[in-house]
């Protein structure tokens, strides 16, 4: 459930970044709407995480375009990049050990990007904009506010 918030900033999952980068993503309209009303805080680790699906979807040459996008991203209206701190990384590792059901997938892979996001989310206590069901479940369990990203209807 999306909660109404009085926050002036919201944290964005990698889905938000994907929506800002590509014109056609299903969530783009909602992310741009949120950007009109809030400062979007994008964890630095999300910048790295999104490079993987961009490479898989579009190949090596698209990474050059993504690099240009990243250079200009902090200059965008209502955008702020959150640097990774060693404190957030340490907290993420503790969260993973304590809650593997959220941060270790069915194949045994570590979802460190999600754990870092959760660590920052817990510290900042601001809403997280995401479509990730595991992050939403984590937020519900830990009484953290979130905004469920809506897909655009065609």
C-alpha atoms as a PDB file:
ATOM      1  CA  UNK A   1       0.000   0.000   0.000  1.00  0.00           C
ATOM      2  CA  UNK A   2       1.320   3.417  -0.885  1.00  0.00           C
ATOM      3  CA  UNK A   3       1.273   5.786   2.044  1.00  0.00           C
ATOM      4  CA  UNK A   4       0.827   9.526   1.824  1.00  0.00           C
ATOM      5  CA  UNK A   5       3.962  11.307   2.923  1.00  0.00           C
ATOM      6  CA  UNK A   6       4.870  14.788   4.075  1.00  0.00           C
ATOM      7  CA  UNK A   7       8.500  14.187   3.084  1.00  0.00           C
ATOM      8  CA  UNK A   8      10.164  16.556   0.639  1.00  0.00           C
ATOM      9  CA  UNK A   9      12.534  13.820  -0.562  1.00  0.00           C
ATOM     10  CA  UNK A  10      12.034  10.185  -1.443  1.00  0.00           C
ATOM     11  CA  UNK A  11      14.573   7.474  -2.036  1.00  0.00           C
ATOM     12  CA  UNK A  12      14.524   5.725  -5.385  1.00  0.00           C
ATOM     13  CA  UNK A  13      15.182   2.110  -6.199  1.00  0.00           C
ATOM     14  CA  UNK A  14      17.038   1.165  -9.367  1.00  0.00           C
ATOM     15  CA  UNK A  15      13.666   0.928 -11.150  1.00  0.00           C
ATOM     16  CA  UNK A  16      13.377   4.732 -10.874  1.00  0.00           C
ATOM     17  CA  UNK A  17      16.795   5.194 -12.402  1.00  0.00           C
ATOM     18  CA  UNK A  18      15.932   2.775 -15.224  1.00  0.00           C
ATOM     19  CA  UNK A  19      12.749   4.800 -15.851  1.00  0.00           C
ATOM     20  CA  UNK A  20      14.696   8.071 -15.957  1.00  0.00           C
ATOM     21  CA  UNK A  21      17.258   6.642 -18.385  1.00  0.00           C
ATOM     22  CA  UNK A  22      14.989   4.938 -20.901  1.00  0.00           C
ATOM     23  CA  UNK A  23      12.061   6.762 -22.458  1.00  0.00           C
ATOM     24  CA  UNK A  24       9.822   3.705 -22.866  1.00  0.00           C
ATOM     25  CA  UNK A  25       9.821   2.018 -19.434  1.00  0.00           C
ATOM     26  CA  UNK A  26       6.452   1.263 -17.877  1.00  0.00           C
ATOM     27  CA  UNK A  27       7.195   3.306 -14.746  1.00  0.00           C
ATOM     28  CA  UNK A  28       8.594   6.446 -16.406  1.00  0.00           C
ATOM     29  CA  UNK A  29       5.417   8.537 -16.166  1.00  0.00           C
ATOM     30  CA  UNK A  30       5.036   7.845 -12.435  1.00  0.00           C
ATOM     31  CA  UNK A  31       8.723   8.545 -11.706  1.00  0.00           C
ATOM     32  CA  UNK A  32       8.550  11.865 -13.579  1.00  0.00           C
ATOM     33  CA  UNK A  33       5.382  12.737 -11.647  1.00  0.00           C
ATOM     34  CA  UNK A  34       7.171  12.002  -8.359  1.00  0.00           C
ATOM     35  CA  UNK A  35      10.111  14.129  -9.472  1.00  0.00           C
ATOM     36  CA  UNK A  36       7.788  17.138  -9.814  1.00  0.00           C
ATOM     37  CA  UNK A  37       6.866  16.917  -6.119  1.00  0.00           C
ATOM     38  CA  UNK A  38       9.933  15.435  -4.406  1.00  0.00           C
ATOM     39  CA  UNK A  39      13.682  15.447  -4.583  1.00  0.00           C
ATOM     40  CA  UNK A  40      14.643  11.976  -5.797  1.00  0.00           C
ATOM     41  CA  UNK A  41      17.508  10.574  -3.734  1.00  0.00           C
ATOM     42  CA  UNK A  42      19.325   7.923  -5.748  1.00  0.00           C
ATOM     43  CA  UNK A  43      21.840   5.744  -3.923  1.00  0.00           C
ATOM     44  CA  UNK A  44      25.183   5.639  -5.714  1.00  0.00           C
ATOM     45  CA  UNK A  45      25.026   1.845  -5.732  1.00  0.00           C
ATOM     46  CA  UNK A  46      21.901   2.009  -7.909  1.00  0.00           C
ATOM     47  CA  UNK A  47      23.989   3.702 -10.588  1.00  0.00           C
ATOM     48  CA  UNK A  48      26.169   0.582 -10.688  1.00  0.00           C
ATOM     49  CA  UNK A  49      23.272  -1.866 -10.390  1.00  0.00           C
ATOM     50  CA  UNK A  50      21.465  -0.426 -13.423  1.00  0.00           C
ATOM     51  CA  UNK A  51      24.540  -0.813 -15.631  1.00  0.00           C
ATOM     52  CA  UNK A  52      24.046  -4.598 -15.646  1.00  0.00           C
ATOM     53  CA  UNK A  53      20.543  -4.685 -17.191  1.00  0.00           C
ATOM     54  CA  UNK A  54      21.455  -1.852 -19.583  1.00  0.00           C
ATOM     55  CA  UNK A  55      24.365  -3.929 -20.854  1.00  0.00           C
ATOM     56  CA  UNK A  56      22.187  -7.063 -21.132  1.00  0.00           C
ATOM     57  CA  UNK A  57      19.378  -5.192 -22.906  1.00  0.00           C
ATOM     58  CA  UNK A  58      21.357  -2.964 -25.245  1.00  0.00           C
ATOM     59  CA  UNK A  59      25.007  -4.075 -25.320  1.00  0.00           C
ATOM     60  CA  UNK A  60      28.390  -2.434 -24.829  1.00  0.00           C
ATOM     61  CA  UNK A  61      27.758   0.679 -26.904  1.00  0.00           C
ATOM     62  CA  UNK A  62      24.788   1.609 -24.718  1.00  0.00           C
ATOM     63  CA  UNK A  63      27.124   1.796 -21.731  1.00  0.00           C
ATOM     64  CA  UNK A  64      28.751   4.856 -23.346  1.00  0.00           C
ATOM     65  CA  UNK A  65      25.349   6.542 -23.525  1.00  0.00           C
ATOM     66  CA  UNK A  66      24.661   5.568 -19.920  1.00  0.00           C
ATOM     67  CA  UNK A  67      28.003   7.100 -18.873  1.00  0.00           C
ATOM     68  CA  UNK A  68      26.963  10.400 -20.466  1.00  0.00           C
ATOM     69  CA  UNK A  69      23.599  10.188 -18.714  1.00  0.00           C
ATOM     70  CA  UNK A  70      25.355   9.619 -15.369  1.00  0.00           C
ATOM     71  CA  UNK A  71      27.589  12.675 -15.880  1.00  0.00           C
ATOM     72  CA  UNK A  72      24.511  14.859 -16.285  1.00  0.00           C
ATOM     73  CA  UNK A  73      22.192  13.152 -13.793  1.00  0.00           C
ATOM     74  CA  UNK A  74      23.248  15.181 -10.710  1.00  0.00           C
ATOM     75  CA  UNK A  75      22.516  18.365 -12.655  1.00  0.00           C
ATOM     76  CA  UNK A  76      18.886  17.360 -13.173  1.00  0.00           C
ATOM     77  CA  UNK A  77      16.048  19.058 -11.349  1.00  0.00           C
ATOM     78  CA  UNK A  78      15.131  17.369  -8.050  1.00  0.00           C
ATOM     79  CA  UNK A  79      17.884  14.738  -8.305  1.00  0.00           C
ATOM     80  CA  UNK A  80      20.484  14.017  -5.653  1.00  0.00           C
ATOM     81  CA  UNK A  81      22.969  11.142  -5.607  1.00  0.00           C
ATOM     82  CA  UNK A  82      23.569   9.522  -2.215  1.00  0.00           C
ATOM     83  CA  UNK A  83      27.183   8.364  -1.862  1.00  0.00           C
ATOM     84  CA  UNK A  84      27.813   4.918  -0.408  1.00  0.00           C
ATOM     85  CA  UNK A  85      29.242   5.049   3.085  1.00  0.00           C
ATOM     86  CA  UNK A  86      31.142   2.245   4.771  1.00  0.00           C
ATOM     87  CA  UNK A  87      28.482   2.471   7.504  1.00  0.00           C
ATOM     88  CA  UNK A  88      25.688   1.695   5.010  1.00  0.00           C
ATOM     89  CA  UNK A  89      27.656  -1.215   3.558  1.00  0.00           C
ATOM     90  CA  UNK A  90      28.345  -2.657   7.014  1.00  0.00           C
ATOM     91  CA  UNK A  91      24.665  -2.284   7.954  1.00  0.00           C
ATOM     92  CA  UNK A  92      23.662  -3.974   4.673  1.00  0.00           C
ATOM     93  CA  UNK A  93      25.826  -6.985   5.484  1.00  0.00           C
ATOM     94  CA  UNK A  94      24.291  -7.224   8.959  1.00  0.00           C
ATOM     95  CA  UNK A  95      20.792  -6.960   7.447  1.00  0.00           C
ATOM     96  CA  UNK A  96      21.619  -9.726   4.976  1.00  0.00           C
ATOM     97  CA  UNK A  97      22.860 -12.032   7.724  1.00  0.00           C
ATOM     98  CA  UNK A  98      19.799 -11.263   9.846  1.00  0.00           C
ATOM     99  CA  UNK A  99      17.211 -11.367   7.060  1.00  0.00           C
ATOM    100  CA  UNK A 100      18.415 -13.699   4.295  1.00  0.00           C
ATOM    101  CA  UNK A 101      14.807 -14.203   3.177  1.00  0.00           C
ATOM    102  CA  UNK A 102      14.951 -10.674   1.724  1.00  0.00           C
ATOM    103  CA  UNK A 103      18.551 -10.415   0.553  1.00  0.00           C
ATOM    104  CA  UNK A 104      19.525 -13.916  -0.637  1.00  0.00           C
ATOM    105  CA  UNK A 105      17.617 -15.161  -3.680  1.00  0.00           C
ATOM    106  CA  UNK A 106      16.345 -18.675  -4.431  1.00  0.00           C
ATOM    107  CA  UNK A 107      19.619 -19.552  -6.156  1.00  0.00           C
ATOM    108  CA  UNK A 108      21.703 -18.458  -3.176  1.00  0.00           C
ATOM    109  CA  UNK A 109      22.873 -15.174  -4.705  1.00  0.00           C
ATOM    110  CA  UNK A 110      23.517 -12.171  -2.492  1.00  0.00           C
ATOM    111  CA  UNK A 111      21.283  -9.189  -3.340  1.00  0.00           C
ATOM    112  CA  UNK A 112      23.687  -6.666  -1.850  1.00  0.00           C
ATOM    113  CA  UNK A 113      22.229  -3.736  -3.794  1.00  0.00           C
ATOM    114  CA  UNK A 114      18.834  -4.297  -2.177  1.00  0.00           C
ATOM    115  CA  UNK A 115      20.434  -4.726   1.241  1.00  0.00           C
ATOM    116  CA  UNK A 116      22.313  -1.422   0.844  1.00  0.00           C
ATOM    117  CA  UNK A 117      19.087   0.260  -0.218  1.00  0.00           C
ATOM    118  CA  UNK A 118      17.324  -1.156   2.856  1.00  0.00           C
ATOM    119  CA  UNK A 119      20.142   0.013   5.144  1.00  0.00           C
ATOM    120  CA  UNK A 120      19.923   3.567   3.801  1.00  0.00           C
ATOM    121  CA  UNK A 121      16.112   3.433   3.915  1.00  0.00           C
ATOM    122  CA  UNK A 122      16.151   2.443   7.577  1.00  0.00           C
ATOM    123  CA  UNK A 123      18.602   5.203   8.456  1.00  0.00           C
ATOM    124  CA  UNK A 124      16.894   7.997   6.516  1.00  0.00           C
ATOM    125  CA  UNK A 125      13.300   6.997   7.347  1.00  0.00           C
ATOM    126  CA  UNK A 126      11.953   8.491   4.133  1.00  0.00           C
ATOM    127  CA  UNK A 127       9.673   6.734   1.626  1.00  0.00           C
ATOM    128  CA  UNK A 128      11.230   4.416  -0.952  1.00  0.00           C
ATOM    129  CA  UNK A 129       9.789   4.470  -4.481  1.00  0.00           C
ATOM    130  CA  UNK A 130       9.963   0.930  -5.847  1.00  0.00           C
ATOM    131  CA  UNK A 131       8.113  -1.883  -7.575  1.00  0.00           C
ATOM    132  CA  UNK A 132      10.261  -4.578  -5.933  1.00  0.00           C
ATOM    133  CA  UNK A 133       7.965  -6.893  -3.957  1.00  0.00           C
ATOM    134  CA  UNK A 134      10.723  -8.112  -1.622  1.00  0.00           C
ATOM    135  CA  UNK A 135      11.747  -4.566  -0.704  1.00  0.00           C
ATOM    136  CA  UNK A 136       8.103  -3.653  -0.157  1.00  0.00           C
ATOM    137  CA  UNK A 137       7.662  -6.687   2.094  1.00  0.00           C
ATOM    138  CA  UNK A 138      10.801  -5.730   3.999  1.00  0.00           C
ATOM    139  CA  UNK A 139       9.451  -2.201   4.405  1.00  0.00           C
ATOM    140  CA  UNK A 140       6.094  -3.441   5.684  1.00  0.00           C
ATOM    141  CA  UNK A 141       7.779  -5.739   8.197  1.00  0.00           C
ATOM    142  CA  UNK A 142      10.016  -2.916   9.442  1.00  0.00           C
ATOM    143  CA  UNK A 143       7.356  -0.175   9.320  1.00  0.00           C
ATOM    144  CA  UNK A 144       9.095   1.805   6.580  1.00  0.00           C
ATOM    145  CA  UNK A 145       7.118   3.983   4.184  1.00  0.00           C
ATOM    146  CA  UNK A 146       7.169   3.231   0.482  1.00  0.00           C
ATOM    147  CA  UNK A 147       5.593   4.367  -2.749  1.00  0.00           C
ATOM    148  CA  UNK A 148       4.542   1.562  -5.060  1.00  0.00           C
ATOM    149  CA  UNK A 149       5.524   2.590  -8.568  1.00  0.00           C
ATOM    150  CA  UNK A 150       2.606   2.460 -11.006  1.00  0.00           C
ATOM    151  CA  UNK A 151       2.908   1.215 -14.556  1.00  0.00           C
ATOM    152  CA  UNK A 152       1.599   3.463 -17.311  1.00  0.00           C
ATOM    153  CA  UNK A 153      -1.399   2.190 -19.213  1.00  0.00           C
ATOM    154  CA  UNK A 154      -0.979   2.102 -22.958  1.00  0.00           C
END
